[in-house]
PDB file of all heavy atoms in Angstrom:
ATOM      1  N   PRO A   1      -1.308  -8.968  -1.128  1.00  0.00           N
ATOM      2  CA  PRO A   1      -1.972  -8.014  -2.026  1.00  0.00           C
ATOM      3  C   PRO A   1      -2.812  -8.738  -3.061  1.00  0.00           C
ATOM      4  O   PRO A   1      -2.376  -9.704  -3.689  1.00  0.00           O
ATOM      5  CB  PRO A   1      -0.790  -7.250  -2.678  1.00  0.00           C
ATOM      6  CG  PRO A   1       0.398  -8.108  -2.488  1.00  0.00           C
ATOM      7  CD  PRO A   1       0.153  -8.869  -1.241  1.00  0.00           C
ATOM      8  N   ARG A   2      -4.062  -8.274  -3.255  1.00  0.00           N
ATOM      9  CA  ARG A   2      -4.952  -8.819  -4.277  1.00  0.00           C
ATOM     10  C   ARG A   2      -5.044  -7.912  -5.443  1.00  0.00           C
ATOM     11  O   ARG A   2      -4.937  -8.363  -6.588  1.00  0.00           O
ATOM     12  CB  ARG A   2      -6.339  -9.030  -3.670  1.00  0.00           C
ATOM     13  CG  ARG A   2      -6.402 -10.098  -2.613  1.00  0.00           C
ATOM     14  CD  ARG A   2      -6.070 -11.483  -3.142  1.00  0.00           C
ATOM     15  NE  ARG A   2      -6.240 -12.540  -2.186  1.00  0.00           N
ATOM     16  CZ  ARG A   2      -5.424 -13.590  -2.046  1.00  0.00           C
ATOM     17  NH1 ARG A   2      -4.354 -13.686  -2.834  1.00  0.00           N
ATOM     18  NH2 ARG A   2      -5.640 -14.512  -1.159  1.00  0.00           N
ATOM     19  N   LEU A   3      -5.241  -6.620  -5.215  1.00  0.00           N
ATOM     20  CA  LEU A   3      -5.191  -5.632  -6.308  1.00  0.00           C
ATOM     21  C   LEU A   3      -4.048  -4.663  -6.013  1.00  0.00           C
ATOM     22  O   LEU A   3      -4.178  -3.809  -5.163  1.00  0.00           O
ATOM     23  CB  LEU A   3      -6.532  -4.894  -6.387  1.00  0.00           C
ATOM     24  CG  LEU A   3      -7.708  -5.662  -6.961  1.00  0.00           C
ATOM     25  CD1 LEU A   3      -8.968  -4.725  -7.050  1.00  0.00           C
ATOM     26  CD2 LEU A   3      -7.441  -6.221  -8.305  1.00  0.00           C
ATOM     27  N   LEU A   4      -2.937  -4.864  -6.691  1.00  0.00           N
ATOM     28  CA  LEU A   4      -1.726  -4.109  -6.491  1.00  0.00           C
ATOM     29  C   LEU A   4      -1.355  -3.404  -7.780  1.00  0.00           C
ATOM     30  O   LEU A   4      -1.357  -4.042  -8.822  1.00  0.00           O
ATOM     31  CB  LEU A   4      -0.587  -5.040  -6.065  1.00  0.00           C
ATOM     32  CG  LEU A   4       0.776  -4.370  -5.813  1.00  0.00           C
ATOM     33  CD1 LEU A   4       0.763  -3.455  -4.597  1.00  0.00           C
ATOM     34  CD2 LEU A   4       1.852  -5.445  -5.653  1.00  0.00           C
ATOM     35  N   TYR A   5      -1.034  -2.111  -7.689  1.00  0.00           N
ATOM     36  CA  TYR A   5      -0.718  -1.317  -8.889  1.00  0.00           C
ATOM     37  C   TYR A   5       0.701  -0.810  -8.769  1.00  0.00           C
ATOM     38  O   TYR A   5       1.136  -0.280  -7.747  1.00  0.00           O
ATOM     39  CB  TYR A   5      -1.704  -0.137  -9.032  1.00  0.00           C
ATOM     40  CG  TYR A   5      -3.137  -0.581  -9.297  1.00  0.00           C
ATOM     41  CD1 TYR A   5      -3.997  -0.897  -8.254  1.00  0.00           C
ATOM     42  CD2 TYR A   5      -3.595  -0.673 -10.617  1.00  0.00           C
ATOM     43  CE1 TYR A   5      -5.309  -1.319  -8.516  1.00  0.00           C
ATOM     44  CE2 TYR A   5      -4.903  -1.077 -10.880  1.00  0.00           C
ATOM     45  CZ  TYR A   5      -5.744  -1.392  -9.839  1.00  0.00           C
ATOM     46  OH  TYR A   5      -7.000  -1.785 -10.132  1.00  0.00           O
ATOM     47  N   ARG A   6       1.412  -0.896  -9.895  1.00  0.00           N
ATOM     48  CA  ARG A   6       2.699  -0.280 -10.042  1.00  0.00           C
ATOM     49  C   ARG A   6       2.454   1.176 -10.587  1.00  0.00           C
ATOM     50  O   ARG A   6       1.726   1.313 -11.600  1.00  0.00           O
ATOM     51  CB  ARG A   6       3.620  -1.035 -10.987  1.00  0.00           C
ATOM     52  CG  ARG A   6       5.017  -0.442 -11.065  1.00  0.00           C
ATOM     53  CD  ARG A   6       5.945  -1.394 -11.883  1.00  0.00           C
ATOM     54  NE  ARG A   6       5.447  -1.504 -13.267  1.00  0.00           N
ATOM     55  CZ  ARG A   6       5.152  -2.640 -13.892  1.00  0.00           C
ATOM     56  NH1 ARG A   6       5.232  -3.807 -13.216  1.00  0.00           N
ATOM     57  NH2 ARG A   6       4.755  -2.676 -15.139  1.00  0.00           N
ATOM     58  N   VAL A   7       2.944   2.172  -9.903  1.00  0.00           N
ATOM     59  CA  VAL A   7       2.639   3.562 -10.277  1.00  0.00           C
ATOM     60  C   VAL A   7       3.946   4.236 -10.737  1.00  0.00           C
ATOM     61  O   VAL A   7       4.941   4.287 -10.012  1.00  0.00           O
ATOM     62  CB  VAL A   7       2.076   4.330  -9.068  1.00  0.00           C
ATOM     63  CG1 VAL A   7       1.679   5.747  -9.477  1.00  0.00           C
ATOM     64  CG2 VAL A   7       0.848   3.626  -8.503  1.00  0.00           C
ATOM     65  N   SER A   8       3.907   4.761 -11.973  1.00  0.00           N
ATOM     66  CA  SER A   8       5.132   5.375 -12.535  1.00  0.00           C
ATOM     67  C   SER A   8       5.162   6.873 -12.065  1.00  0.00           C
ATOM     68  O   SER A   8       4.138   7.403 -11.612  1.00  0.00           O
ATOM     69  CB  SER A   8       5.083   5.348 -14.069  1.00  0.00           C
ATOM     70  OG  SER A   8       3.959   6.075 -14.566  1.00  0.00           O
ATOM     71  N   PRO A   9       6.299   7.497 -12.188  1.00  0.00           N
ATOM     72  CA  PRO A   9       6.399   8.930 -11.709  1.00  0.00           C
ATOM     73  C   PRO A   9       5.451   9.848 -12.393  1.00  0.00           C
ATOM     74  O   PRO A   9       5.036  10.903 -11.847  1.00  0.00           O
ATOM     75  CB  PRO A   9       7.865   9.264 -12.059  1.00  0.00           C
ATOM     76  CG  PRO A   9       8.607   7.988 -11.987  1.00  0.00           C
ATOM     77  CD  PRO A   9       7.626   6.953 -12.508  1.00  0.00           C
ATOM     78  N   ASP A  10       4.957   9.490 -13.583  1.00  0.00           N
ATOM     79  CA  ASP A  10       3.977  10.349 -14.253  1.00  0.00           C
ATOM     80  C   ASP A  10       2.546  10.071 -13.878  1.00  0.00           C
ATOM     81  O   ASP A  10       1.588  10.630 -14.410  1.00  0.00           O
ATOM     82  CB  ASP A  10       4.135  10.288 -15.786  1.00  0.00           C
ATOM     83  CG  ASP A  10       3.839   8.898 -16.324  1.00  0.00           C
ATOM     84  OD1 ASP A  10       3.514   8.000 -15.580  1.00  0.00           O
ATOM     85  OD2 ASP A  10       4.029   8.669 -17.586  1.00  0.00           O
ATOM     86  N   GLY A  11       2.344   9.136 -12.929  1.00  0.00           N
ATOM     87  CA  GLY A  11       1.021   8.809 -12.435  1.00  0.00           C
ATOM     88  C   GLY A  11       0.324   7.621 -13.067  1.00  0.00           C
ATOM     89  O   GLY A  11      -0.761   7.253 -12.688  1.00  0.00           O
ATOM     90  N   LYS A  12       0.926   7.048 -14.076  1.00  0.00           N
ATOM     91  CA  LYS A  12       0.253   5.863 -14.752  1.00  0.00           C
ATOM     92  C   LYS A  12       0.257   4.671 -13.834  1.00  0.00           C
ATOM     93  O   LYS A  12       1.272   4.321 -13.229  1.00  0.00           O
ATOM     94  CB  LYS A  12       1.082   5.521 -16.043  1.00  0.00           C
ATOM     95  CG  LYS A  12       0.483   4.352 -16.778  1.00  0.00           C
ATOM     96  CD  LYS A  12       1.327   3.981 -18.018  1.00  0.00           C
ATOM     97  CE  LYS A  12       0.803   2.741 -18.700  1.00  0.00           C
ATOM     98  NZ  LYS A  12       1.601   2.352 -19.841  1.00  0.00           N
ATOM     99  N   ARG A  13      -0.922   4.035 -13.729  1.00  0.00           N
ATOM    100  CA  ARG A  13      -1.069   2.879 -12.900  1.00  0.00           C
ATOM    101  C   ARG A  13      -1.149   1.578 -13.722  1.00  0.00           C
ATOM    102  O   ARG A  13      -1.921   1.542 -14.707  1.00  0.00           O
ATOM    103  CB  ARG A  13      -2.328   2.965 -11.993  1.00  0.00           C
ATOM    104  CG  ARG A  13      -2.331   4.156 -11.069  1.00  0.00           C
ATOM    105  CD  ARG A  13      -3.261   4.012  -9.903  1.00  0.00           C
ATOM    106  NE  ARG A  13      -4.524   3.296 -10.178  1.00  0.00           N
ATOM    107  CZ  ARG A  13      -5.280   2.763  -9.247  1.00  0.00           C
ATOM    108  NH1 ARG A  13      -4.955   2.911  -7.982  1.00  0.00           N
ATOM    109  NH2 ARG A  13      -6.424   2.162  -9.531  1.00  0.00           N
ATOM    110  N   THR A  14      -0.378   0.562 -13.361  1.00  0.00           N
ATOM    111  CA  THR A  14      -0.397  -0.705 -14.028  1.00  0.00           C
ATOM    112  C   THR A  14      -0.693  -1.808 -13.027  1.00  0.00           C
ATOM    113  O   THR A  14       0.048  -2.001 -12.088  1.00  0.00           O
ATOM    114  CB  THR A  14       0.952  -0.998 -14.708  1.00  0.00           C
ATOM    115  OG1 THR A  14       1.267   0.091 -15.618  1.00  0.00           O
ATOM    116  CG2 THR A  14       0.907  -2.333 -15.495  1.00  0.00           C
ATOM    117  N   LEU A  15      -1.784  -2.555 -13.259  1.00  0.00           N
ATOM    118  CA  LEU A  15      -2.121  -3.683 -12.367  1.00  0.00           C
ATOM    119  C   LEU A  15      -1.098  -4.768 -12.543  1.00  0.00           C
ATOM    120  O   LEU A  15      -0.716  -5.099 -13.671  1.00  0.00           O
ATOM    121  CB  LEU A  15      -3.523  -4.188 -12.727  1.00  0.00           C
ATOM    122  CG  LEU A  15      -4.074  -5.338 -11.929  1.00  0.00           C
ATOM    123  CD1 LEU A  15      -4.308  -4.924 -10.480  1.00  0.00           C
ATOM    124  CD2 LEU A  15      -5.371  -5.862 -12.522  1.00  0.00           C
ATOM    125  N   VAL A  16      -0.623  -5.294 -11.417  1.00  0.00           N
ATOM    126  CA  VAL A  16       0.348  -6.465 -11.444  1.00  0.00           C
ATOM    127  C   VAL A  16      -0.190  -7.532 -10.551  1.00  0.00           C
ATOM    128  O   VAL A  16      -1.062  -7.363  -9.746  1.00  0.00           O
ATOM    129  CB  VAL A  16       1.751  -5.986 -10.972  1.00  0.00           C
ATOM    130  CG1 VAL A  16       2.342  -4.973 -11.950  1.00  0.00           C
ATOM    131  CG2 VAL A  16       1.721  -5.417  -9.564  1.00  0.00           C
ATOM    132  N   ARG A  17       0.347  -8.744 -10.749  1.00  0.00           N
ATOM    133  CA  ARG A  17      -0.079  -9.904 -10.000  1.00  0.00           C
ATOM    134  C   ARG A  17       1.105 -10.689  -9.498  1.00  0.00           C
ATOM    135  O   ARG A  17       2.253 -10.476  -9.894  1.00  0.00           O
ATOM    136  CB  ARG A  17      -1.014 -10.792 -10.782  1.00  0.00           C
ATOM    137  CG  ARG A  17      -0.405 -11.333 -12.073  1.00  0.00           C
ATOM    138  CD  ARG A  17      -1.425 -12.055 -12.913  1.00  0.00           C
ATOM    139  NE  ARG A  17      -0.938 -12.400 -14.247  1.00  0.00           N
ATOM    140  CZ  ARG A  17      -0.288 -13.547 -14.541  1.00  0.00           C
ATOM    141  NH1 ARG A  17      -0.100 -14.457 -13.582  1.00  0.00           N
ATOM    142  NH2 ARG A  17       0.152 -13.786 -15.790  1.00  0.00           N
ATOM    143  N   GLY A  18       0.821 -11.657  -8.607  1.00  0.00           N
ATOM    144  CA  GLY A  18       1.885 -12.516  -8.082  1.00  0.00           C
ATOM    145  C   GLY A  18       2.833 -11.946  -7.118  1.00  0.00           C
ATOM    146  O   GLY A  18       4.021 -12.289  -7.098  1.00  0.00           O
ATOM    147  N   ALA A  19       2.374 -10.993  -6.279  1.00  0.00           N
ATOM    148  CA  ALA A  19       3.261 -10.289  -5.370  1.00  0.00           C
ATOM    149  C   ALA A  19       3.013 -10.686  -3.931  1.00  0.00           C
ATOM    150  O   ALA A  19       1.906 -11.123  -3.570  1.00  0.00           O
ATOM    151  CB  ALA A  19       3.104  -8.783  -5.540  1.00  0.00           C
ATOM    152  N   LEU A  20       4.024 -10.507  -3.100  1.00  0.00           N
ATOM    153  CA  LEU A  20       3.929 -10.623  -1.671  1.00  0.00           C
ATOM    154  C   LEU A  20       4.550  -9.397  -1.064  1.00  0.00           C
ATOM    155  O   LEU A  20       5.476  -8.805  -1.606  1.00  0.00           O
ATOM    156  CB  LEU A  20       4.662 -11.841  -1.139  1.00  0.00           C
ATOM    157  CG  LEU A  20       4.126 -13.255  -1.552  1.00  0.00           C
ATOM    158  CD1 LEU A  20       5.073 -14.326  -1.065  1.00  0.00           C
ATOM    159  CD2 LEU A  20       2.751 -13.456  -0.923  1.00  0.00           C
ATOM    160  N   PHE A  21       4.070  -9.017   0.153  1.00  0.00           N
ATOM    161  CA  PHE A  21       4.708  -7.944   0.899  1.00  0.00           C
ATOM    162  C   PHE A  21       5.741  -8.566   1.879  1.00  0.00           C
ATOM    163  O   PHE A  21       5.550  -9.658   2.414  1.00  0.00           O
ATOM    164  CB  PHE A  21       3.695  -7.161   1.726  1.00  0.00           C
ATOM    165  CG  PHE A  21       2.823  -6.242   0.912  1.00  0.00           C
ATOM    166  CD1 PHE A  21       1.467  -6.148   1.134  1.00  0.00           C
ATOM    167  CD2 PHE A  21       3.396  -5.456  -0.070  1.00  0.00           C
ATOM    168  CE1 PHE A  21       0.712  -5.263   0.369  1.00  0.00           C
ATOM    169  CE2 PHE A  21       2.617  -4.605  -0.862  1.00  0.00           C
ATOM    170  CZ  PHE A  21       1.292  -4.520  -0.598  1.00  0.00           C
ATOM    171  N   ASP A  22       6.792  -7.829   2.046  1.00  0.00           N
ATOM    172  CA  ASP A  22       7.848  -8.212   2.968  1.00  0.00           C
ATOM    173  C   ASP A  22       8.111  -7.120   3.960  1.00  0.00           C
ATOM    174  O   ASP A  22       7.936  -5.923   3.620  1.00  0.00           O
ATOM    175  CB  ASP A  22       9.175  -8.512   2.165  1.00  0.00           C
ATOM    176  CG  ASP A  22      10.197  -9.210   2.983  1.00  0.00           C
ATOM    177  OD1 ASP A  22       9.840  -9.860   4.004  1.00  0.00           O
ATOM    178  OD2 ASP A  22      11.386  -9.158   2.653  1.00  0.00           O
ATOM    179  N   GLU A  23       8.432  -7.462   5.200  1.00  0.00           N
ATOM    180  CA  GLU A  23       8.723  -6.511   6.271  1.00  0.00           C
ATOM    181  C   GLU A  23       7.534  -5.593   6.597  1.00  0.00           C
ATOM    182  O   GLU A  23       7.680  -4.475   7.033  1.00  0.00           O
ATOM    183  CB  GLU A  23       9.932  -5.644   5.893  1.00  0.00           C
ATOM    184  CG  GLU A  23      11.220  -6.462   5.696  1.00  0.00           C
ATOM    185  CD  GLU A  23      12.382  -5.631   5.216  1.00  0.00           C
ATOM    186  OE1 GLU A  23      12.143  -4.429   4.875  1.00  0.00           O
ATOM    187  OE2 GLU A  23      13.488  -6.167   5.041  1.00  0.00           O
ATOM    188  N   LEU A  24       6.367  -6.154   6.414  1.00  0.00           N
ATOM    189  CA  LEU A  24       5.131  -5.493   6.849  1.00  0.00           C
ATOM    190  C   LEU A  24       4.779  -6.010   8.229  1.00  0.00           C
ATOM    191  O   LEU A  24       4.122  -7.060   8.399  1.00  0.00           O
ATOM    192  CB  LEU A  24       3.964  -5.713   5.868  1.00  0.00           C
ATOM    193  CG  LEU A  24       2.631  -5.056   6.185  1.00  0.00           C
ATOM    194  CD1 LEU A  24       2.806  -3.543   6.342  1.00  0.00           C
ATOM    195  CD2 LEU A  24       1.645  -5.324   5.079  1.00  0.00           C
ATOM    196  N   ASP A  25       5.264  -5.284   9.292  1.00  0.00           N
ATOM    197  CA  ASP A  25       5.169  -5.850  10.620  1.00  0.00           C
ATOM    198  C   ASP A  25       4.990  -4.699  11.612  1.00  0.00           C
ATOM    199  O   ASP A  25       4.706  -3.541  11.212  1.00  0.00           O
ATOM    200  CB  ASP A  25       6.445  -6.617  10.983  1.00  0.00           C
ATOM    201  CG  ASP A  25       7.721  -5.817  10.679  1.00  0.00           C
ATOM    202  OD1 ASP A  25       7.684  -4.546  10.592  1.00  0.00           O
ATOM    203  OD2 ASP A  25       8.866  -6.450  10.531  1.00  0.00           O
ATOM    204  N   GLN A  26       5.125  -4.960  12.917  1.00  0.00           N
ATOM    205  CA  GLN A  26       4.923  -3.898  13.939  1.00  0.00           C
ATOM    206  C   GLN A  26       5.906  -2.768  13.803  1.00  0.00           C
ATOM    207  O   GLN A  26       5.606  -1.623  14.048  1.00  0.00           O
ATOM    208  CB  GLN A  26       5.003  -4.542  15.324  1.00  0.00           C
ATOM    209  CG  GLN A  26       3.719  -5.189  15.813  1.00  0.00           C
ATOM    210  CD  GLN A  26       3.582  -6.583  15.244  1.00  0.00           C
ATOM    211  OE1 GLN A  26       4.550  -7.243  14.837  1.00  0.00           O
ATOM    212  NE2 GLN A  26       2.346  -7.089  15.195  1.00  0.00           N
ATOM    213  N   ARG A  27       7.107  -3.069  13.361  1.00  0.00           N
ATOM    214  CA  ARG A  27       8.114  -2.000  13.191  1.00  0.00           C
ATOM    215  C   ARG A  27       7.659  -1.071  12.059  1.00  0.00           C
ATOM    216  O   ARG A  27       7.774   0.160  12.167  1.00  0.00           O
ATOM    217  CB  ARG A  27       9.445  -2.610  12.759  1.00  0.00           C
ATOM    218  CG  ARG A  27      10.545  -1.551  12.512  1.00  0.00           C
ATOM    219  CD  ARG A  27      11.610  -2.038  11.552  1.00  0.00           C
ATOM    220  NE  ARG A  27      11.077  -2.395  10.275  1.00  0.00           N
ATOM    221  CZ  ARG A  27      10.754  -1.467   9.303  1.00  0.00           C
ATOM    222  NH1 ARG A  27      11.013  -0.196   9.505  1.00  0.00           N
ATOM    223  NH2 ARG A  27      10.250  -1.873   8.166  1.00  0.00           N
ATOM    224  N   ALA A  28       7.049  -1.636  11.001  1.00  0.00           N
ATOM    225  CA  ALA A  28       6.602  -0.790   9.877  1.00  0.00           C
ATOM    226  C   ALA A  28       5.491   0.165  10.310  1.00  0.00           C
ATOM    227  O   ALA A  28       5.479   1.299   9.901  1.00  0.00           O
ATOM    228  CB  ALA A  28       6.138  -1.712   8.736  1.00  0.00           C
ATOM    229  N   ILE A  29       4.526  -0.330  11.134  1.00  0.00           N
ATOM    230  CA  ILE A  29       3.442   0.582  11.515  1.00  0.00           C
ATOM    231  C   ILE A  29       3.863   1.548  12.652  1.00  0.00           C
ATOM    232  O   ILE A  29       3.249   2.526  12.867  1.00  0.00           O
ATOM    233  CB  ILE A  29       2.187  -0.219  11.944  1.00  0.00           C
ATOM    234  CG1 ILE A  29       2.451  -1.084  13.175  1.00  0.00           C
ATOM    235  CG2 ILE A  29       1.687  -1.070  10.815  1.00  0.00           C
ATOM    236  CD1 ILE A  29       1.146  -1.732  13.767  1.00  0.00           C
ATOM    237  N   ARG A  30       4.999   1.187  13.345  1.00  0.00           N
ATOM    238  CA  ARG A  30       5.476   2.119  14.361  1.00  0.00           C
ATOM    239  C   ARG A  30       6.244   3.274  13.762  1.00  0.00           C
ATOM    240  O   ARG A  30       6.024   4.453  14.138  1.00  0.00           O
ATOM    241  CB  ARG A  30       6.371   1.365  15.362  1.00  0.00           C
ATOM    242  CG  ARG A  30       6.919   2.211  16.490  1.00  0.00           C
ATOM    243  CD  ARG A  30       7.866   1.447  17.401  1.00  0.00           C
ATOM    244  NE  ARG A  30       9.116   1.151  16.782  1.00  0.00           N
ATOM    245  CZ  ARG A  30       9.523  -0.113  16.444  1.00  0.00           C
ATOM    246  NH1 ARG A  30       8.749  -1.131  16.710  1.00  0.00           N
ATOM    247  NH2 ARG A  30      10.703  -0.313  15.914  1.00  0.00           N
ATOM    248  N   SER A  31       7.134   3.017  12.853  1.00  0.00           N
ATOM    249  CA  SER A  31       8.043   4.057  12.365  1.00  0.00           C
ATOM    250  C   SER A  31       8.097   4.214  10.867  1.00  0.00           C
ATOM    251  O   SER A  31       8.879   5.020  10.354  1.00  0.00           O
ATOM    252  CB  SER A  31       9.444   3.778  12.908  1.00  0.00           C
ATOM    253  OG  SER A  31       9.917   2.486  12.522  1.00  0.00           O
ATOM    254  N   GLY A  32       7.263   3.446  10.121  1.00  0.00           N
ATOM    255  CA  GLY A  32       7.348   3.491   8.703  1.00  0.00           C
ATOM    256  C   GLY A  32       6.205   4.157   7.988  1.00  0.00           C
ATOM    257  O   GLY A  32       6.154   4.134   6.783  1.00  0.00           O
ATOM    258  N   ILE A  33       5.252   4.757   8.735  1.00  0.00           N
ATOM    259  CA  ILE A  33       4.106   5.427   8.075  1.00  0.00           C
ATOM    260  C   ILE A  33       4.420   6.898   7.937  1.00  0.00           C
ATOM    261  O   ILE A  33       4.686   7.619   8.890  1.00  0.00           O
ATOM    262  CB  ILE A  33       2.799   5.220   8.935  1.00  0.00           C
ATOM    263  CG1 ILE A  33       2.451   3.738   9.033  1.00  0.00           C
ATOM    264  CG2 ILE A  33       1.679   5.998   8.261  1.00  0.00           C
ATOM    265  CD1 ILE A  33       1.212   3.452   9.871  1.00  0.00           C
ATOM    266  N   LEU A  34       4.401   7.371   6.697  1.00  0.00           N
ATOM    267  CA  LEU A  34       4.719   8.737   6.387  1.00  0.00           C
ATOM    268  C   LEU A  34       3.557   9.718   6.571  1.00  0.00           C
ATOM    269  O   LEU A  34       3.708  10.804   7.031  1.00  0.00           O
ATOM    270  CB  LEU A  34       5.243   8.903   4.978  1.00  0.00           C
ATOM    271  CG  LEU A  34       6.636   8.276   4.647  1.00  0.00           C
ATOM    272  CD1 LEU A  34       6.899   8.418   3.154  1.00  0.00           C
ATOM    273  CD2 LEU A  34       7.707   9.043   5.441  1.00  0.00           C
ATOM    274  N   ALA A  35       2.370   9.242   6.167  1.00  0.00           N
ATOM    275  CA  ALA A  35       1.189  10.130   6.206  1.00  0.00           C
ATOM    276  C   ALA A  35      -0.032   9.273   6.194  1.00  0.00           C
ATOM    277  O   ALA A  35      -0.025   8.101   5.859  1.00  0.00           O
ATOM    278  CB  ALA A  35       1.206  11.026   4.977  1.00  0.00           C
ATOM    279  N   ALA A  36      -1.201   9.899   6.564  1.00  0.00           N
ATOM    280  CA  ALA A  36      -2.480   9.220   6.554  1.00  0.00           C
ATOM    281  C   ALA A  36      -3.479  10.156   5.900  1.00  0.00           C
ATOM    282  O   ALA A  36      -3.387  11.390   6.014  1.00  0.00           O
ATOM    283  CB  ALA A  36      -2.925   8.847   7.957  1.00  0.00           C
ATOM    284  N   GLY A  37      -4.507   9.577   5.282  1.00  0.00           N
ATOM    285  CA  GLY A  37      -5.473  10.342   4.583  1.00  0.00           C
ATOM    286  C   GLY A  37      -6.697  10.646   5.429  1.00  0.00           C
ATOM    287  O   GLY A  37      -6.806  10.258   6.591  1.00  0.00           O
ATOM    288  N   GLY A  38      -7.662  11.285   4.821  1.00  0.00           N
ATOM    289  CA  GLY A  38      -8.869  11.676   5.524  1.00  0.00           C
ATOM    290  C   GLY A  38     -10.116  10.906   5.055  1.00  0.00           C
ATOM    291  O   GLY A  38     -11.244  11.162   5.487  1.00  0.00           O
ATOM    292  N   ARG A  39      -9.905   9.961   4.120  1.00  0.00           N
ATOM    293  CA  ARG A  39     -11.029   9.172   3.624  1.00  0.00           C
ATOM    294  C   ARG A  39     -11.037   7.825   4.379  1.00  0.00           C
ATOM    295  O   ARG A  39     -10.235   6.955   4.149  1.00  0.00           O
ATOM    296  CB  ARG A  39     -10.929   8.922   2.121  1.00  0.00           C
ATOM    297  CG  ARG A  39     -12.119   8.246   1.536  1.00  0.00           C
ATOM    298  CD  ARG A  39     -12.069   8.207   0.010  1.00  0.00           C
ATOM    299  NE  ARG A  39     -10.928   7.472  -0.480  1.00  0.00           N
ATOM    300  CZ  ARG A  39     -10.655   7.283  -1.753  1.00  0.00           C
ATOM    301  NH1 ARG A  39     -11.450   7.818  -2.636  1.00  0.00           N
ATOM    302  NH2 ARG A  39      -9.616   6.610  -2.169  1.00  0.00           N
ATOM    303  N   ASP A  40     -11.963   7.659   5.273  1.00  0.00           N
ATOM    304  CA  ASP A  40     -12.021   6.496   6.169  1.00  0.00           C
ATOM    305  C   ASP A  40     -12.747   5.342   5.555  1.00  0.00           C
ATOM    306  O   ASP A  40     -13.697   5.513   4.745  1.00  0.00           O
ATOM    307  CB  ASP A  40     -12.718   6.826   7.481  1.00  0.00           C
ATOM    308  CG  ASP A  40     -11.884   7.797   8.330  1.00  0.00           C
ATOM    309  OD1 ASP A  40     -10.679   7.602   8.474  1.00  0.00           O
ATOM    310  OD2 ASP A  40     -12.493   8.826   8.808  1.00  0.00           O
ATOM    311  N   TYR A  41     -12.291   4.164   5.904  1.00  0.00           N
ATOM    312  CA  TYR A  41     -12.950   2.871   5.478  1.00  0.00           C
ATOM    313  C   TYR A  41     -13.460   2.145   6.696  1.00  0.00           C
ATOM    314  O   TYR A  41     -12.746   2.063   7.694  1.00  0.00           O
ATOM    315  CB  TYR A  41     -12.005   2.064   4.657  1.00  0.00           C
ATOM    316  CG  TYR A  41     -12.574   0.753   4.168  1.00  0.00           C
ATOM    317  CD1 TYR A  41     -13.247   0.706   2.965  1.00  0.00           C
ATOM    318  CD2 TYR A  41     -12.476  -0.437   4.927  1.00  0.00           C
ATOM    319  CE1 TYR A  41     -13.808  -0.476   2.483  1.00  0.00           C
ATOM    320  CE2 TYR A  41     -13.007  -1.610   4.458  1.00  0.00           C
ATOM    321  CZ  TYR A  41     -13.688  -1.661   3.267  1.00  0.00           C
ATOM    322  OH  TYR A  41     -14.272  -2.832   2.820  1.00  0.00           O
ATOM    323  N   VAL A  42     -14.624   1.562   6.630  1.00  0.00           N
ATOM    324  CA  VAL A  42     -15.219   0.832   7.748  1.00  0.00           C
ATOM    325  C   VAL A  42     -15.112  -0.633   7.464  1.00  0.00           C
ATOM    326  O   VAL A  42     -15.803  -1.131   6.507  1.00  0.00           O
ATOM    327  CB  VAL A  42     -16.680   1.246   8.012  1.00  0.00           C
ATOM    328  CG1 VAL A  42     -17.235   0.452   9.252  1.00  0.00           C
ATOM    329  CG2 VAL A  42     -16.760   2.723   8.325  1.00  0.00           C
ATOM    330  N   ALA A  43     -14.280  -1.371   8.216  1.00  0.00           N
ATOM    331  CA  ALA A  43     -14.189  -2.818   8.059  1.00  0.00           C
ATOM    332  C   ALA A  43     -14.962  -3.456   9.203  1.00  0.00           C
ATOM    333  O   ALA A  43     -14.835  -3.073  10.347  1.00  0.00           O
ATOM    334  CB  ALA A  43     -12.726  -3.255   8.129  1.00  0.00           C
ATOM    335  N   GLN A  44     -15.756  -4.508   8.910  1.00  0.00           N
ATOM    336  CA  GLN A  44     -16.627  -5.050   9.894  1.00  0.00           C
ATOM    337  C   GLN A  44     -16.551  -6.612   9.873  1.00  0.00           C
ATOM    338  O   GLN A  44     -16.433  -7.198   8.795  1.00  0.00           O
ATOM    339  CB  GLN A  44     -18.102  -4.657   9.696  1.00  0.00           C
ATOM    340  CG  GLN A  44     -18.271  -3.160   9.475  1.00  0.00           C
ATOM    341  CD  GLN A  44     -19.394  -2.594  10.334  1.00  0.00           C
ATOM    342  OE1 GLN A  44     -19.271  -2.507  11.569  1.00  0.00           O
ATOM    343  NE2 GLN A  44     -20.508  -2.255   9.718  1.00  0.00           N
TER     344      GLN A  44
END
């Protein structure tokens, strides 16, 4: 993560640094996605 925000229950966003993701793997994309949005991004 380069721009990662901690989000409180009231919606406040706080930028944080020095983080890594763990357990972001094929299992996560197979059974760990709850929902998807409708705003598409084009990566090239």
